[in-house]
Amino acid sequence: MTYGVQFINNNNVVTLDSEFARLMVISSGRFAPTGEDSGMGSTTYFARPVTSQEPPLVFVRPDTVGGVAGLCQMRLIGSAGNWTGFYVRAYNATTAPPNGKYFVAAFGAQPVAQYGMRLWDGSGTLLFDSGTSCATFTRSFQNWTYVRDDKTDQGLTRIYYTVPFNFPQNEFMLLNSFGMPMTSGSGIPRDLYCWWDFPNNTLYAITVAAANPIAFFLPAVFAKLAV
């Protein structure tokens, strides 16, 4: 920082700087089934729209169950400057319904607080508002282990990858990544799914495509709410 405001905590870590945006939590709450797709779909609307031009980041933590919580087909609702919610679907009828906690965040604040402090950068972009909390990236990994493959009822190749994971209650996974189709060996993209296998402390990534390559390096990214 050449000029402006900077805060450093007791560990000499910069926590706020007027030249850099933090990951600000715009809305948080719970997601639950809302009736779509034979009861397996969940549409959640944010407490306030996210006004960023770029799509915001949605982080989720499914409720702990005695089996597998599978999530897929995530998509944001709204458009640039007015993102209003998100949709997510359970993997299938044998996995847990889509229940859990979420927060949505963006690299920039919104004017929420009635009093407190706000901080802008040199171009006038609001970076910080004391009425919104921050999120902190905790870890990411892409060291997936190929487990097996099989065929779907439609004859598509389905591949399973795993990584050990202990599923902390306060750690949320970035869901946007698992809503994006991936390139494949044909014109049909790879669909992407994730399983939270709680009894076996294992996180799964599953890809489905007509021509489905083994290589898979998509990172799983995690964050938690700053306290």
C-alpha atoms as a PDB file:
ATOM      1  CA  MET A   1       0.000   0.000   0.000  1.00  0.00           C
ATOM      2  CA  THR A   2       1.375   3.404  -0.967  1.00  0.00           C
ATOM      3  CA  TYR A   3      -1.340   5.455   0.743  1.00  0.00           C
ATOM      4  CA  GLY A   4      -4.688   4.899   2.456  1.00  0.00           C
ATOM      5  CA  VAL A   5      -5.590   2.711   5.427  1.00  0.00           C
ATOM      6  CA  GLN A   6      -4.014  -0.518   6.609  1.00  0.00           C
ATOM      7  CA  PHE A   7      -4.777  -2.687   9.653  1.00  0.00           C
ATOM      8  CA  ILE A   8      -2.301  -5.242  11.017  1.00  0.00           C
ATOM      9  CA  ASN A   9      -3.292  -7.751  13.704  1.00  0.00           C
ATOM     10  CA  ASN A  10      -1.273  -8.926  16.712  1.00  0.00           C
ATOM     11  CA  ASN A  11       0.446 -11.550  14.554  1.00  0.00           C
ATOM     12  CA  ASN A  12       1.700  -8.859  12.150  1.00  0.00           C
ATOM     13  CA  VAL A  13      -0.716 -10.056   9.458  1.00  0.00           C
ATOM     14  CA  VAL A  14      -2.385  -7.457   7.261  1.00  0.00           C
ATOM     15  CA  THR A  15      -6.132  -7.917   7.764  1.00  0.00           C
ATOM     16  CA  LEU A  16      -7.375  -4.865   5.875  1.00  0.00           C
ATOM     17  CA  ASP A  17      -5.755  -2.717   3.207  1.00  0.00           C
ATOM     18  CA  SER A  18      -7.341   0.053   1.149  1.00  0.00           C
ATOM     19  CA  GLU A  19      -5.758  -1.253  -2.059  1.00  0.00           C
ATOM     20  CA  PHE A  20      -6.943  -4.860  -1.830  1.00  0.00           C
ATOM     21  CA  ALA A  21     -10.412  -6.395  -1.613  1.00  0.00           C
ATOM     22  CA  ARG A  22     -11.232  -9.106   0.895  1.00  0.00           C
ATOM     23  CA  LEU A  23     -13.669 -11.955   0.397  1.00  0.00           C
ATOM     24  CA  MET A  24     -16.769 -10.363   1.913  1.00  0.00           C
ATOM     25  CA  VAL A  25     -19.797 -12.413   2.982  1.00  0.00           C
ATOM     26  CA  ILE A  26     -22.902 -10.836   1.467  1.00  0.00           C
ATOM     27  CA  SER A  27     -25.473 -13.359   2.693  1.00  0.00           C
ATOM     28  CA  SER A  28     -25.561 -16.621   4.634  1.00  0.00           C
ATOM     29  CA  GLY A  29     -28.116 -19.097   5.864  1.00  0.00           C
ATOM     30  CA  ARG A  30     -29.469 -22.532   5.048  1.00  0.00           C
ATOM     31  CA  PHE A  31     -30.493 -24.353   1.905  1.00  0.00           C
ATOM     32  CA  ALA A  32     -33.202 -27.026   1.870  1.00  0.00           C
ATOM     33  CA  PRO A  33     -35.393 -28.931  -0.610  1.00  0.00           C
ATOM     34  CA  THR A  34     -37.934 -26.670  -2.307  1.00  0.00           C
ATOM     35  CA  GLY A  35     -39.851 -29.185  -4.391  1.00  0.00           C
ATOM     36  CA  GLU A  36     -38.161 -29.082  -7.788  1.00  0.00           C
ATOM     37  CA  ASP A  37     -36.931 -32.215  -9.564  1.00  0.00           C
ATOM     38  CA  SER A  38     -39.050 -34.728  -7.622  1.00  0.00           C
ATOM     39  CA  GLY A  39     -38.121 -33.109  -4.317  1.00  0.00           C
ATOM     40  CA  MET A  40     -34.374 -33.307  -4.900  1.00  0.00           C
ATOM     41  CA  GLY A  41     -33.918 -29.664  -5.951  1.00  0.00           C
ATOM     42  CA  SER A  42     -33.212 -26.658  -3.747  1.00  0.00           C
ATOM     43  CA  THR A  43     -33.615 -23.019  -4.738  1.00  0.00           C
ATOM     44  CA  THR A  44     -32.247 -20.503  -2.229  1.00  0.00           C
ATOM     45  CA  TYR A  45     -32.614 -16.728  -2.435  1.00  0.00           C
ATOM     46  CA  PHE A  46     -30.047 -14.492  -0.769  1.00  0.00           C
ATOM     47  CA  ALA A  47     -31.098 -12.096   1.986  1.00  0.00           C
ATOM     48  CA  ARG A  48     -29.885  -9.303  -0.307  1.00  0.00           C
ATOM     49  CA  PRO A  49     -28.796  -9.381  -3.959  1.00  0.00           C
ATOM     50  CA  VAL A  50     -25.081  -9.532  -4.688  1.00  0.00           C
ATOM     51  CA  THR A  51     -24.256  -6.496  -6.816  1.00  0.00           C
ATOM     52  CA  SER A  52     -20.883  -7.604  -8.209  1.00  0.00           C
ATOM     53  CA  GLN A  53     -20.495  -7.772 -11.977  1.00  0.00           C
ATOM     54  CA  GLU A  54     -18.691 -11.114 -11.770  1.00  0.00           C
ATOM     55  CA  PRO A  55     -20.562 -14.164 -10.418  1.00  0.00           C
ATOM     56  CA  PRO A  56     -20.271 -14.430  -6.615  1.00  0.00           C
ATOM     57  CA  LEU A  57     -18.808 -17.462  -4.864  1.00  0.00           C
ATOM     58  CA  VAL A  58     -21.241 -19.832  -3.121  1.00  0.00           C
ATOM     59  CA  PHE A  59     -19.810 -22.023  -0.360  1.00  0.00           C
ATOM     60  CA  VAL A  60     -21.797 -24.895   1.181  1.00  0.00           C
ATOM     61  CA  ARG A  61     -21.573 -27.337   4.049  1.00  0.00           C
ATOM     62  CA  PRO A  62     -24.162 -30.145   3.787  1.00  0.00           C
ATOM     63  CA  ASP A  63     -25.655 -31.362   7.042  1.00  0.00           C
ATOM     64  CA  THR A  64     -23.864 -34.372   8.494  1.00  0.00           C
ATOM     65  CA  VAL A  65     -25.822 -37.542   7.766  1.00  0.00           C
ATOM     66  CA  GLY A  66     -25.312 -41.245   8.283  1.00  0.00           C
ATOM     67  CA  GLY A  67     -24.614 -41.766   4.596  1.00  0.00           C
ATOM     68  CA  VAL A  68     -23.743 -39.746   1.487  1.00  0.00           C
ATOM     69  CA  ALA A  69     -24.788 -36.168   0.740  1.00  0.00           C
ATOM     70  CA  GLY A  70     -24.455 -35.649  -3.001  1.00  0.00           C
ATOM     71  CA  LEU A  71     -24.699 -32.270  -4.715  1.00  0.00           C
ATOM     72  CA  CYS A  72     -24.773 -31.330  -8.393  1.00  0.00           C
ATOM     73  CA  GLN A  73     -26.143 -29.004 -11.093  1.00  0.00           C
ATOM     74  CA  MET A  74     -25.396 -25.833  -9.155  1.00  0.00           C
ATOM     75  CA  ARG A  75     -26.305 -22.611 -10.926  1.00  0.00           C
ATOM     76  CA  LEU A  76     -26.606 -18.988  -9.891  1.00  0.00           C
ATOM     77  CA  ILE A  77     -29.881 -17.114 -10.200  1.00  0.00           C
ATOM     78  CA  GLY A  78     -29.780 -13.570 -11.535  1.00  0.00           C
ATOM     79  CA  SER A  79     -27.303 -11.697 -13.692  1.00  0.00           C
ATOM     80  CA  ALA A  80     -24.373  -9.298 -13.451  1.00  0.00           C
ATOM     81  CA  GLY A  81     -25.045  -6.692 -10.784  1.00  0.00           C
ATOM     82  CA  ASN A  82     -28.101  -8.524  -9.444  1.00  0.00           C
ATOM     83  CA  TRP A  83     -27.315 -12.087  -8.323  1.00  0.00           C
ATOM     84  CA  THR A  84     -30.314 -13.145  -6.250  1.00  0.00           C
ATOM     85  CA  GLY A  85     -29.799 -16.814  -5.326  1.00  0.00           C
ATOM     86  CA  PHE A  86     -28.632 -20.256  -6.358  1.00  0.00           C
ATOM     87  CA  TYR A  87     -29.976 -23.687  -7.225  1.00  0.00           C
ATOM     88  CA  VAL A  88     -28.485 -27.047  -6.301  1.00  0.00           C
ATOM     89  CA  ARG A  89     -29.735 -30.605  -6.628  1.00  0.00           C
ATOM     90  CA  ALA A  90     -29.193 -33.858  -4.745  1.00  0.00           C
ATOM     91  CA  TYR A  91     -27.194 -36.427  -6.712  1.00  0.00           C
ATOM     92  CA  ASN A  92     -30.082 -38.913  -6.803  1.00  0.00           C
ATOM     93  CA  ALA A  93     -32.805 -40.425  -4.637  1.00  0.00           C
ATOM     94  CA  THR A  94     -30.316 -42.634  -2.740  1.00  0.00           C
ATOM     95  CA  THR A  95     -28.259 -39.696  -1.428  1.00  0.00           C
ATOM     96  CA  ALA A  96     -29.404 -37.276   1.258  1.00  0.00           C
ATOM     97  CA  PRO A  97     -31.757 -34.417   0.345  1.00  0.00           C
ATOM     98  CA  PRO A  98     -30.051 -31.039  -0.207  1.00  0.00           C
ATOM     99  CA  ASN A  99     -29.930 -29.680   3.344  1.00  0.00           C
ATOM    100  CA  GLY A 100     -27.149 -27.606   4.841  1.00  0.00           C
ATOM    101  CA  LYS A 101     -25.543 -24.220   5.454  1.00  0.00           C
ATOM    102  CA  TYR A 102     -24.244 -21.778   2.873  1.00  0.00           C
ATOM    103  CA  PHE A 103     -22.703 -18.379   2.477  1.00  0.00           C
ATOM    104  CA  VAL A 104     -22.235 -16.287  -0.645  1.00  0.00           C
ATOM    105  CA  ALA A 105     -19.247 -13.986  -0.949  1.00  0.00           C
ATOM    106  CA  ALA A 106     -17.665 -11.524  -3.344  1.00  0.00           C
ATOM    107  CA  PHE A 107     -14.374  -9.645  -3.562  1.00  0.00           C
ATOM    108  CA  GLY A 108     -15.902  -6.351  -2.544  1.00  0.00           C
ATOM    109  CA  ALA A 109     -18.344  -5.105   0.069  1.00  0.00           C
ATOM    110  CA  GLN A 110     -21.875  -3.733  -0.142  1.00  0.00           C
ATOM    111  CA  PRO A 111     -23.263  -0.775   1.855  1.00  0.00           C
ATOM    112  CA  VAL A 112     -25.058  -2.649   4.637  1.00  0.00           C
ATOM    113  CA  ALA A 113     -24.102  -1.090   7.977  1.00  0.00           C
ATOM    114  CA  GLN A 114     -26.206   1.749   9.372  1.00  0.00           C
ATOM    115  CA  TYR A 115     -23.141   2.965  11.262  1.00  0.00           C
ATOM    116  CA  GLY A 116     -19.522   1.841  11.629  1.00  0.00           C
ATOM    117  CA  MET A 117     -16.804   2.013   9.006  1.00  0.00           C
ATOM    118  CA  ARG A 118     -16.502   1.766   5.214  1.00  0.00           C
ATOM    119  CA  LEU A 119     -13.361   1.655   3.109  1.00  0.00           C
ATOM    120  CA  TRP A 120     -12.978   2.428  -0.605  1.00  0.00           C
ATOM    121  CA  ASP A 121     -10.041   1.938  -2.919  1.00  0.00           C
ATOM    122  CA  GLY A 122      -8.545   4.678  -5.087  1.00  0.00           C
ATOM    123  CA  SER A 123     -11.103   4.123  -7.849  1.00  0.00           C
ATOM    124  CA  GLY A 124     -14.090   4.451  -5.529  1.00  0.00           C
ATOM    125  CA  THR A 125     -14.877   0.723  -5.231  1.00  0.00           C
ATOM    126  CA  LEU A 126     -16.255  -0.221  -1.814  1.00  0.00           C
ATOM    127  CA  LEU A 127     -13.852  -2.734  -0.277  1.00  0.00           C
ATOM    128  CA  PHE A 128     -15.065  -2.988   3.306  1.00  0.00           C
ATOM    129  CA  ASP A 129     -18.270  -2.371   5.242  1.00  0.00           C
ATOM    130  CA  SER A 130     -18.408  -3.137   8.953  1.00  0.00           C
ATOM    131  CA  GLY A 131     -21.890  -4.594   8.519  1.00  0.00           C
ATOM    132  CA  THR A 132     -20.559  -7.549   6.530  1.00  0.00           C
ATOM    133  CA  SER A 133     -18.196 -10.257   7.749  1.00  0.00           C
ATOM    134  CA  CYS A 134     -15.235 -11.714   5.890  1.00  0.00           C
ATOM    135  CA  ALA A 135     -14.419 -15.241   4.786  1.00  0.00           C
ATOM    136  CA  THR A 136     -10.996 -16.853   4.751  1.00  0.00           C
ATOM    137  CA  PHE A 137      -9.766 -19.494   2.341  1.00  0.00           C
ATOM    138  CA  THR A 138      -8.540 -22.433   4.387  1.00  0.00           C
ATOM    139  CA  ARG A 139      -7.257 -25.052   1.941  1.00  0.00           C
ATOM    140  CA  SER A 140      -7.590 -26.555  -1.495  1.00  0.00           C
ATOM    141  CA  PHE A 141      -6.483 -29.811  -3.024  1.00  0.00           C
ATOM    142  CA  GLN A 142      -6.517 -31.534  -6.370  1.00  0.00           C
ATOM    143  CA  ASN A 143      -4.705 -34.748  -5.465  1.00  0.00           C
ATOM    144  CA  TRP A 144      -7.719 -36.857  -6.378  1.00  0.00           C
ATOM    145  CA  THR A 145      -7.274 -40.637  -6.482  1.00  0.00           C
ATOM    146  CA  TYR A 146      -8.964 -42.525  -9.299  1.00  0.00           C
ATOM    147  CA  VAL A 147     -11.132 -45.251  -7.754  1.00  0.00           C
ATOM    148  CA  ARG A 148     -13.167 -46.900 -10.489  1.00  0.00           C
ATOM    149  CA  ASP A 149     -15.465 -46.319 -13.426  1.00  0.00           C
ATOM    150  CA  ASP A 150     -18.772 -47.751 -14.590  1.00  0.00           C
ATOM    151  CA  LYS A 151     -21.622 -47.005 -16.999  1.00  0.00           C
ATOM    152  CA  THR A 152     -24.786 -45.035 -16.393  1.00  0.00           C
ATOM    153  CA  ASP A 153     -28.185 -46.287 -17.535  1.00  0.00           C
ATOM    154  CA  GLN A 154     -27.696 -44.146 -20.647  1.00  0.00           C
ATOM    155  CA  GLY A 155     -24.383 -45.824 -21.448  1.00  0.00           C
ATOM    156  CA  LEU A 156     -22.198 -42.872 -20.451  1.00  0.00           C
ATOM    157  CA  THR A 157     -18.882 -43.424 -18.666  1.00  0.00           C
ATOM    158  CA  ARG A 158     -18.898 -42.438 -15.000  1.00  0.00           C
ATOM    159  CA  ILE A 159     -15.590 -42.071 -13.136  1.00  0.00           C
ATOM    160  CA  TYR A 160     -15.125 -41.819  -9.365  1.00  0.00           C
ATOM    161  CA  TYR A 161     -12.274 -39.935  -7.649  1.00  0.00           C
ATOM    162  CA  THR A 162     -11.689 -39.569  -3.911  1.00  0.00           C
ATOM    163  CA  VAL A 163      -9.669 -37.688  -1.348  1.00  0.00           C
ATOM    164  CA  PRO A 164      -9.666 -38.258   2.436  1.00  0.00           C
ATOM    165  CA  PHE A 165     -11.474 -35.501   4.309  1.00  0.00           C
ATOM    166  CA  ASN A 166     -12.625 -34.966   7.889  1.00  0.00           C
ATOM    167  CA  PHE A 167     -15.573 -32.622   7.140  1.00  0.00           C
ATOM    168  CA  PRO A 168     -15.180 -29.926   9.829  1.00  0.00           C
ATOM    169  CA  GLN A 169     -18.450 -28.278  10.772  1.00  0.00           C
ATOM    170  CA  ASN A 170     -17.115 -24.756  10.163  1.00  0.00           C
ATOM    171  CA  GLU A 171     -15.507 -25.365   6.763  1.00  0.00           C
ATOM    172  CA  PHE A 172     -17.462 -24.786   3.553  1.00  0.00           C
ATOM    173  CA  MET A 173     -16.700 -25.985   0.017  1.00  0.00           C
ATOM    174  CA  LEU A 174     -16.829 -23.721  -3.035  1.00  0.00           C
ATOM    175  CA  LEU A 175     -19.824 -25.017  -4.992  1.00  0.00           C
ATOM    176  CA  ASN A 176     -19.387 -22.999  -8.194  1.00  0.00           C
ATOM    177  CA  SER A 177     -16.652 -25.328  -9.441  1.00  0.00           C
ATOM    178  CA  PHE A 178     -18.965 -28.323  -9.229  1.00  0.00           C
ATOM    179  CA  GLY A 179     -21.590 -26.618 -11.349  1.00  0.00           C
ATOM    180  CA  MET A 180     -19.372 -26.197 -14.411  1.00  0.00           C
ATOM    181  CA  PRO A 181     -19.282 -28.755 -17.243  1.00  0.00           C
ATOM    182  CA  MET A 182     -15.743 -29.870 -18.074  1.00  0.00           C
ATOM    183  CA  THR A 183     -14.135 -30.620 -21.411  1.00  0.00           C
ATOM    184  CA  SER A 184     -14.160 -34.243 -22.525  1.00  0.00           C
ATOM    185  CA  GLY A 185     -13.021 -36.384 -25.403  1.00  0.00           C
ATOM    186  CA  SER A 186     -16.091 -35.550 -27.490  1.00  0.00           C
ATOM    187  CA  GLY A 187     -18.536 -32.742 -28.111  1.00  0.00           C
ATOM    188  CA  ILE A 188     -20.504 -33.743 -24.995  1.00  0.00           C
ATOM    189  CA  PRO A 189     -18.891 -32.143 -21.896  1.00  0.00           C
ATOM    190  CA  ARG A 190     -18.216 -33.959 -18.656  1.00  0.00           C
ATOM    191  CA  ASP A 191     -20.894 -33.401 -16.025  1.00  0.00           C
ATOM    192  CA  LEU A 192     -19.496 -33.019 -12.535  1.00  0.00           C
ATOM    193  CA  TYR A 193     -20.879 -34.187  -9.180  1.00  0.00           C
ATOM    194  CA  CYS A 194     -19.625 -34.350  -5.597  1.00  0.00           C
ATOM    195  CA  TRP A 195     -20.358 -36.755  -2.767  1.00  0.00           C
ATOM    196  CA  TRP A 196     -19.774 -36.104   0.905  1.00  0.00           C
ATOM    197  CA  ASP A 197     -19.358 -39.632   2.287  1.00  0.00           C
ATOM    198  CA  PHE A 198     -19.576 -38.879   6.004  1.00  0.00           C
ATOM    199  CA  PRO A 199     -19.272 -42.427   7.437  1.00  0.00           C
ATOM    200  CA  ASN A 200     -16.032 -43.030   5.518  1.00  0.00           C
ATOM    201  CA  ASN A 201     -14.564 -39.500   5.827  1.00  0.00           C
ATOM    202  CA  THR A 202     -14.166 -39.313   2.062  1.00  0.00           C
ATOM    203  CA  LEU A 203     -14.954 -36.614  -0.474  1.00  0.00           C
ATOM    204  CA  TYR A 204     -15.835 -37.833  -3.967  1.00  0.00           C
ATOM    205  CA  ALA A 205     -15.753 -36.100  -7.326  1.00  0.00           C
ATOM    206  CA  ILE A 206     -17.667 -37.889 -10.075  1.00  0.00           C
ATOM    207  CA  THR A 207     -17.524 -37.133 -13.781  1.00  0.00           C
ATOM    208  CA  VAL A 208     -19.941 -38.397 -16.450  1.00  0.00           C
ATOM    209  CA  ALA A 209     -19.483 -38.143 -20.225  1.00  0.00           C
ATOM    210  CA  ALA A 210     -19.631 -40.143 -23.436  1.00  0.00           C
ATOM    211  CA  ALA A 211     -15.852 -39.891 -23.839  1.00  0.00           C
ATOM    212  CA  ASN A 212     -14.586 -39.405 -20.308  1.00  0.00           C
ATOM    213  CA  PRO A 213     -10.810 -39.036 -19.832  1.00  0.00           C
ATOM    214  CA  ILE A 214      -9.183 -40.339 -16.650  1.00  0.00           C
ATOM    215  CA  ALA A 215      -7.192 -37.154 -16.010  1.00  0.00           C
ATOM    216  CA  PHE A 216      -8.881 -34.954 -13.392  1.00  0.00           C
ATOM    217  CA  PHE A 217      -7.251 -31.979 -11.682  1.00  0.00           C
ATOM    218  CA  LEU A 218     -10.112 -29.713 -10.631  1.00  0.00           C
ATOM    219  CA  PRO A 219      -9.277 -28.281  -7.184  1.00  0.00           C
ATOM    220  CA  ALA A 220     -11.735 -28.473  -4.320  1.00  0.00           C
ATOM    221  CA  VAL A 221     -11.552 -25.142  -2.487  1.00  0.00           C
ATOM    222  CA  PHE A 222     -12.631 -24.567   1.099  1.00  0.00           C
ATOM    223  CA  ALA A 223     -13.218 -21.489   3.249  1.00  0.00           C
ATOM    224  CA  LYS A 224     -14.657 -20.555   6.617  1.00  0.00           C
ATOM    225  CA  LEU A 225     -16.298 -17.504   8.079  1.00  0.00           C
ATOM    226  CA  ALA A 226     -13.838 -15.215   9.802  1.00  0.00           C
ATOM    227  CA  VAL A 227     -14.486 -14.704  13.499  1.00  0.00           C
END
